[in-house]
Amino acid sequence: MEKQATIEGYWNVTPVIKKISFERSKILVELQDGRIIIAPLKQFPSIKKLKPVERNKWYIFGNGFSFDASDEVFHIEQILGNFDDFKHEA
C-alpha cells in the first residue's frame, strides 16, 4: 500500500493577529501561528500618515486592527491580499 504524501504549509488555518510593528517604511503583522507578514506602508497611506508614536498605539479589533489616532479598521485580508479566503464577514 502506497503512503499518501502530506502537503506542507498552512491549510485551513484562520489568520489571527498577535502583534503589529513597524520598520522603516514597512508594517509587520505577526500572526498567532508564527507567520510574519511584511507589507510596504505605501499600500496603507492612512497608516503611513500617522506619526510613529501614534502607530505604536494600536489595538486588535475583531480580526483586524486599528489605532487610537484613527477611525479606520484594517482587516487581515487587506494585509494578506486575498479577500475571498480571509473575508471577515460572510
N, C-alpha and C. Protein backbone atom coordinates (compact mmCIF):
# COMPACT_ATOMS: atom_id res chain seq x y z
N MET A 1 0.85 -1.18 0.00
CA MET A 1 0.00 0.00 0.00
C MET A 1 0.89 1.24 0.00
N GLU A 2 0.57 2.19 -0.86
CA GLU A 2 1.33 3.42 -1.00
C GLU A 2 0.97 4.40 0.11
N LYS A 3 1.98 5.03 0.68
CA LYS A 3 1.75 6.04 1.71
C LYS A 3 1.36 7.36 1.04
N GLN A 4 0.30 7.98 1.54
CA GLN A 4 -0.17 9.25 0.97
C GLN A 4 0.74 10.39 1.45
N ALA A 5 1.16 11.23 0.52
CA ALA A 5 2.04 12.35 0.84
C ALA A 5 1.30 13.42 1.63
N THR A 6 1.99 14.00 2.58
CA THR A 6 1.44 15.10 3.36
C THR A 6 1.81 16.41 2.67
N ILE A 7 0.83 17.26 2.49
CA ILE A 7 1.09 18.56 1.87
C ILE A 7 1.47 19.53 2.98
N GLU A 8 2.65 20.09 2.87
CA GLU A 8 3.14 21.01 3.88
C GLU A 8 2.54 22.39 3.71
N GLY A 9 2.60 23.17 4.76
CA GLY A 9 2.16 24.56 4.69
C GLY A 9 1.02 24.84 5.64
N TYR A 10 0.36 25.96 5.43
CA TYR A 10 -0.74 26.40 6.27
C TYR A 10 -2.06 26.15 5.54
N TRP A 11 -2.74 25.09 5.90
CA TRP A 11 -4.01 24.72 5.28
C TRP A 11 -5.11 24.82 6.32
N ASN A 12 -6.18 25.47 5.96
CA ASN A 12 -7.35 25.62 6.85
C ASN A 12 -6.99 26.25 8.18
N VAL A 13 -6.07 27.22 8.14
CA VAL A 13 -5.67 27.96 9.33
C VAL A 13 -6.21 29.38 9.20
N THR A 14 -7.01 29.78 10.15
CA THR A 14 -7.53 31.15 10.15
C THR A 14 -6.45 32.08 10.68
N PRO A 15 -6.07 33.10 9.91
CA PRO A 15 -5.03 34.02 10.38
C PRO A 15 -5.57 34.92 11.49
N VAL A 16 -4.85 34.95 12.61
CA VAL A 16 -5.24 35.76 13.76
C VAL A 16 -4.05 36.64 14.14
N ILE A 17 -4.29 37.93 14.21
CA ILE A 17 -3.21 38.89 14.52
C ILE A 17 -2.78 38.78 15.97
N LYS A 18 -1.47 38.73 16.17
CA LYS A 18 -0.89 38.69 17.51
C LYS A 18 -0.20 40.02 17.86
N LYS A 19 0.52 40.57 16.89
CA LYS A 19 1.33 41.76 17.15
C LYS A 19 1.53 42.54 15.86
N ILE A 20 1.66 43.84 16.00
CA ILE A 20 1.96 44.72 14.87
C ILE A 20 3.17 45.56 15.23
N SER A 21 4.07 45.72 14.27
CA SER A 21 5.23 46.59 14.48
C SER A 21 5.58 47.24 13.15
N PHE A 22 6.52 48.17 13.21
CA PHE A 22 6.91 48.93 12.03
C PHE A 22 8.41 49.00 11.93
N GLU A 23 8.93 48.87 10.71
CA GLU A 23 10.35 49.03 10.41
C GLU A 23 10.46 49.89 9.18
N ARG A 24 11.15 50.97 9.29
CA ARG A 24 11.32 51.91 8.19
C ARG A 24 10.00 52.20 7.54
N SER A 25 9.80 51.78 6.33
CA SER A 25 8.56 52.09 5.62
C SER A 25 7.70 50.84 5.43
N LYS A 26 7.76 49.93 6.42
CA LYS A 26 7.02 48.68 6.33
C LYS A 26 6.22 48.41 7.60
N ILE A 27 5.11 47.70 7.42
CA ILE A 27 4.33 47.21 8.55
C ILE A 27 4.56 45.70 8.65
N LEU A 28 4.79 45.22 9.85
CA LEU A 28 5.00 43.81 10.10
C LEU A 28 3.84 43.32 10.96
N VAL A 29 3.12 42.34 10.48
CA VAL A 29 1.99 41.79 11.20
C VAL A 29 2.32 40.35 11.58
N GLU A 30 2.46 40.10 12.88
CA GLU A 30 2.77 38.77 13.37
C GLU A 30 1.46 38.05 13.68
N LEU A 31 1.33 36.85 13.13
CA LEU A 31 0.12 36.06 13.36
C LEU A 31 0.36 35.05 14.49
N GLN A 32 -0.71 34.61 15.10
CA GLN A 32 -0.59 33.67 16.22
C GLN A 32 0.04 32.34 15.82
N ASP A 33 -0.05 31.98 14.53
CA ASP A 33 0.53 30.71 14.09
C ASP A 33 2.02 30.83 13.76
N GLY A 34 2.62 32.00 13.99
CA GLY A 34 4.05 32.18 13.80
C GLY A 34 4.45 32.91 12.53
N ARG A 35 3.53 33.07 11.59
CA ARG A 35 3.87 33.78 10.35
C ARG A 35 4.03 35.27 10.64
N ILE A 36 4.89 35.90 9.88
CA ILE A 36 5.05 37.35 9.93
C ILE A 36 4.85 37.87 8.51
N ILE A 37 3.86 38.72 8.35
CA ILE A 37 3.55 39.29 7.05
C ILE A 37 4.14 40.70 7.01
N ILE A 38 4.92 40.99 5.99
CA ILE A 38 5.55 42.31 5.84
C ILE A 38 4.97 42.96 4.60
N ALA A 39 4.50 44.20 4.77
CA ALA A 39 3.91 44.93 3.64
C ALA A 39 4.43 46.36 3.64
N PRO A 40 4.60 46.95 2.47
CA PRO A 40 5.05 48.34 2.41
C PRO A 40 3.94 49.28 2.87
N LEU A 41 4.31 50.30 3.64
CA LEU A 41 3.33 51.28 4.12
C LEU A 41 2.72 52.08 2.99
N LYS A 42 3.36 52.14 1.83
CA LYS A 42 2.78 52.89 0.72
C LYS A 42 1.43 52.30 0.31
N GLN A 43 1.19 51.04 0.62
CA GLN A 43 -0.11 50.41 0.33
C GLN A 43 -1.18 50.83 1.34
N PHE A 44 -0.77 51.46 2.43
CA PHE A 44 -1.67 51.88 3.50
C PHE A 44 -1.41 53.34 3.85
N PRO A 45 -1.79 54.26 2.96
CA PRO A 45 -1.47 55.68 3.18
C PRO A 45 -2.05 56.25 4.47
N SER A 46 -3.18 55.74 4.92
CA SER A 46 -3.76 56.28 6.16
C SER A 46 -2.95 55.85 7.39
N ILE A 47 -2.26 54.72 7.32
CA ILE A 47 -1.36 54.32 8.41
C ILE A 47 -0.05 55.09 8.27
N LYS A 48 0.42 55.23 7.04
CA LYS A 48 1.70 55.93 6.79
C LYS A 48 1.66 57.35 7.31
N LYS A 49 0.50 58.02 7.22
CA LYS A 49 0.43 59.41 7.66
C LYS A 49 0.42 59.55 9.19
N LEU A 50 0.18 58.45 9.92
CA LEU A 50 0.25 58.52 11.38
C LEU A 50 1.70 58.74 11.82
N LYS A 51 1.88 59.48 12.87
CA LYS A 51 3.21 59.67 13.43
C LYS A 51 3.66 58.35 14.07
N PRO A 52 4.96 58.11 14.14
CA PRO A 52 5.45 56.86 14.73
C PRO A 52 4.88 56.59 16.13
N VAL A 53 4.75 57.59 16.94
CA VAL A 53 4.20 57.39 18.28
C VAL A 53 2.73 56.97 18.21
N GLU A 54 2.00 57.46 17.20
CA GLU A 54 0.60 57.08 17.03
C GLU A 54 0.48 55.64 16.51
N ARG A 55 1.43 55.22 15.69
CA ARG A 55 1.42 53.84 15.18
C ARG A 55 1.63 52.83 16.30
N ASN A 56 2.34 53.22 17.33
CA ASN A 56 2.59 52.31 18.45
C ASN A 56 1.37 52.09 19.33
N LYS A 57 0.34 52.90 19.14
CA LYS A 57 -0.88 52.77 19.95
C LYS A 57 -1.96 52.09 19.11
N TRP A 58 -1.73 50.81 18.80
CA TRP A 58 -2.65 50.02 18.00
C TRP A 58 -3.40 49.05 18.92
N TYR A 59 -4.51 48.53 18.41
CA TYR A 59 -5.26 47.52 19.15
C TYR A 59 -5.96 46.60 18.16
N ILE A 60 -6.19 45.37 18.61
CA ILE A 60 -6.89 44.39 17.78
C ILE A 60 -8.38 44.66 17.88
N PHE A 61 -9.03 44.62 16.74
CA PHE A 61 -10.47 44.87 16.66
C PHE A 61 -11.06 43.77 15.78
N GLY A 62 -11.71 42.79 16.40
CA GLY A 62 -12.22 41.65 15.63
C GLY A 62 -11.05 40.89 15.01
N ASN A 63 -11.10 40.66 13.72
CA ASN A 63 -9.98 40.02 13.03
C ASN A 63 -9.20 41.07 12.23
N GLY A 64 -9.09 42.23 12.84
CA GLY A 64 -8.36 43.33 12.24
C GLY A 64 -7.68 44.14 13.32
N PHE A 65 -7.32 45.36 12.97
CA PHE A 65 -6.66 46.23 13.93
C PHE A 65 -6.96 47.68 13.59
N SER A 66 -6.75 48.54 14.58
CA SER A 66 -6.91 49.97 14.40
C SER A 66 -5.91 50.68 15.31
N PHE A 67 -5.98 51.98 15.29
CA PHE A 67 -5.08 52.81 16.09
C PHE A 67 -5.91 53.81 16.87
N ASP A 68 -5.42 54.22 18.03
CA ASP A 68 -6.12 55.23 18.83
C ASP A 68 -6.35 56.50 18.02
N ALA A 69 -5.41 56.84 17.16
CA ALA A 69 -5.48 58.10 16.39
C ALA A 69 -6.21 57.94 15.05
N SER A 70 -6.84 56.80 14.82
CA SER A 70 -7.51 56.55 13.54
C SER A 70 -8.91 55.99 13.78
N ASP A 71 -9.82 56.32 12.89
CA ASP A 71 -11.16 55.74 12.99
C ASP A 71 -11.36 54.62 11.97
N GLU A 72 -10.29 54.22 11.29
CA GLU A 72 -10.36 53.16 10.29
C GLU A 72 -9.92 51.83 10.89
N VAL A 73 -10.62 50.75 10.53
CA VAL A 73 -10.23 49.41 10.93
C VAL A 73 -9.63 48.71 9.72
N PHE A 74 -8.48 48.10 9.91
CA PHE A 74 -7.78 47.38 8.85
C PHE A 74 -7.96 45.90 9.11
N HIS A 75 -8.41 45.18 8.10
CA HIS A 75 -8.71 43.76 8.26
C HIS A 75 -7.58 42.90 7.71
N ILE A 76 -7.48 41.69 8.23
CA ILE A 76 -6.39 40.80 7.85
C ILE A 76 -6.33 40.56 6.35
N GLU A 77 -7.49 40.55 5.69
CA GLU A 77 -7.47 40.32 4.24
C GLU A 77 -6.82 41.47 3.49
N GLN A 78 -6.79 42.66 4.08
CA GLN A 78 -6.09 43.78 3.45
C GLN A 78 -4.58 43.56 3.49
N ILE A 79 -4.10 42.89 4.51
CA ILE A 79 -2.68 42.59 4.64
C ILE A 79 -2.32 41.39 3.75
N LEU A 80 -3.13 40.35 3.78
CA LEU A 80 -2.84 39.13 3.02
C LEU A 80 -3.18 39.26 1.54
N GLY A 81 -4.08 40.20 1.20
CA GLY A 81 -4.41 40.42 -0.20
C GLY A 81 -5.27 39.35 -0.82
N ASN A 82 -6.05 38.64 -0.02
CA ASN A 82 -6.90 37.59 -0.56
C ASN A 82 -8.26 37.65 0.10
N PHE A 83 -9.11 38.55 -0.36
CA PHE A 83 -10.40 38.79 0.28
C PHE A 83 -11.28 37.55 0.32
N ASP A 84 -11.33 36.78 -0.76
CA ASP A 84 -12.23 35.63 -0.80
C ASP A 84 -11.89 34.58 0.26
N ASP A 85 -10.61 34.40 0.56
CA ASP A 85 -10.21 33.41 1.56
C ASP A 85 -10.26 33.93 2.99
N PHE A 86 -10.09 35.24 3.16
CA PHE A 86 -9.93 35.78 4.51
C PHE A 86 -10.94 36.86 4.87
N LYS A 87 -12.05 36.95 4.12
CA LYS A 87 -13.03 37.98 4.42
C LYS A 87 -13.56 37.80 5.84
N HIS A 88 -13.77 38.91 6.52
CA HIS A 88 -14.16 38.89 7.92
C HIS A 88 -15.66 38.77 8.12
N GLU A 89 -16.42 38.91 7.07
CA GLU A 89 -17.87 38.77 7.16
C GLU A 89 -18.35 37.82 6.09
N ALA A 90 -19.39 37.06 6.40
CA ALA A 90 -19.95 36.13 5.42
C ALA A 90 -20.73 36.83 4.35
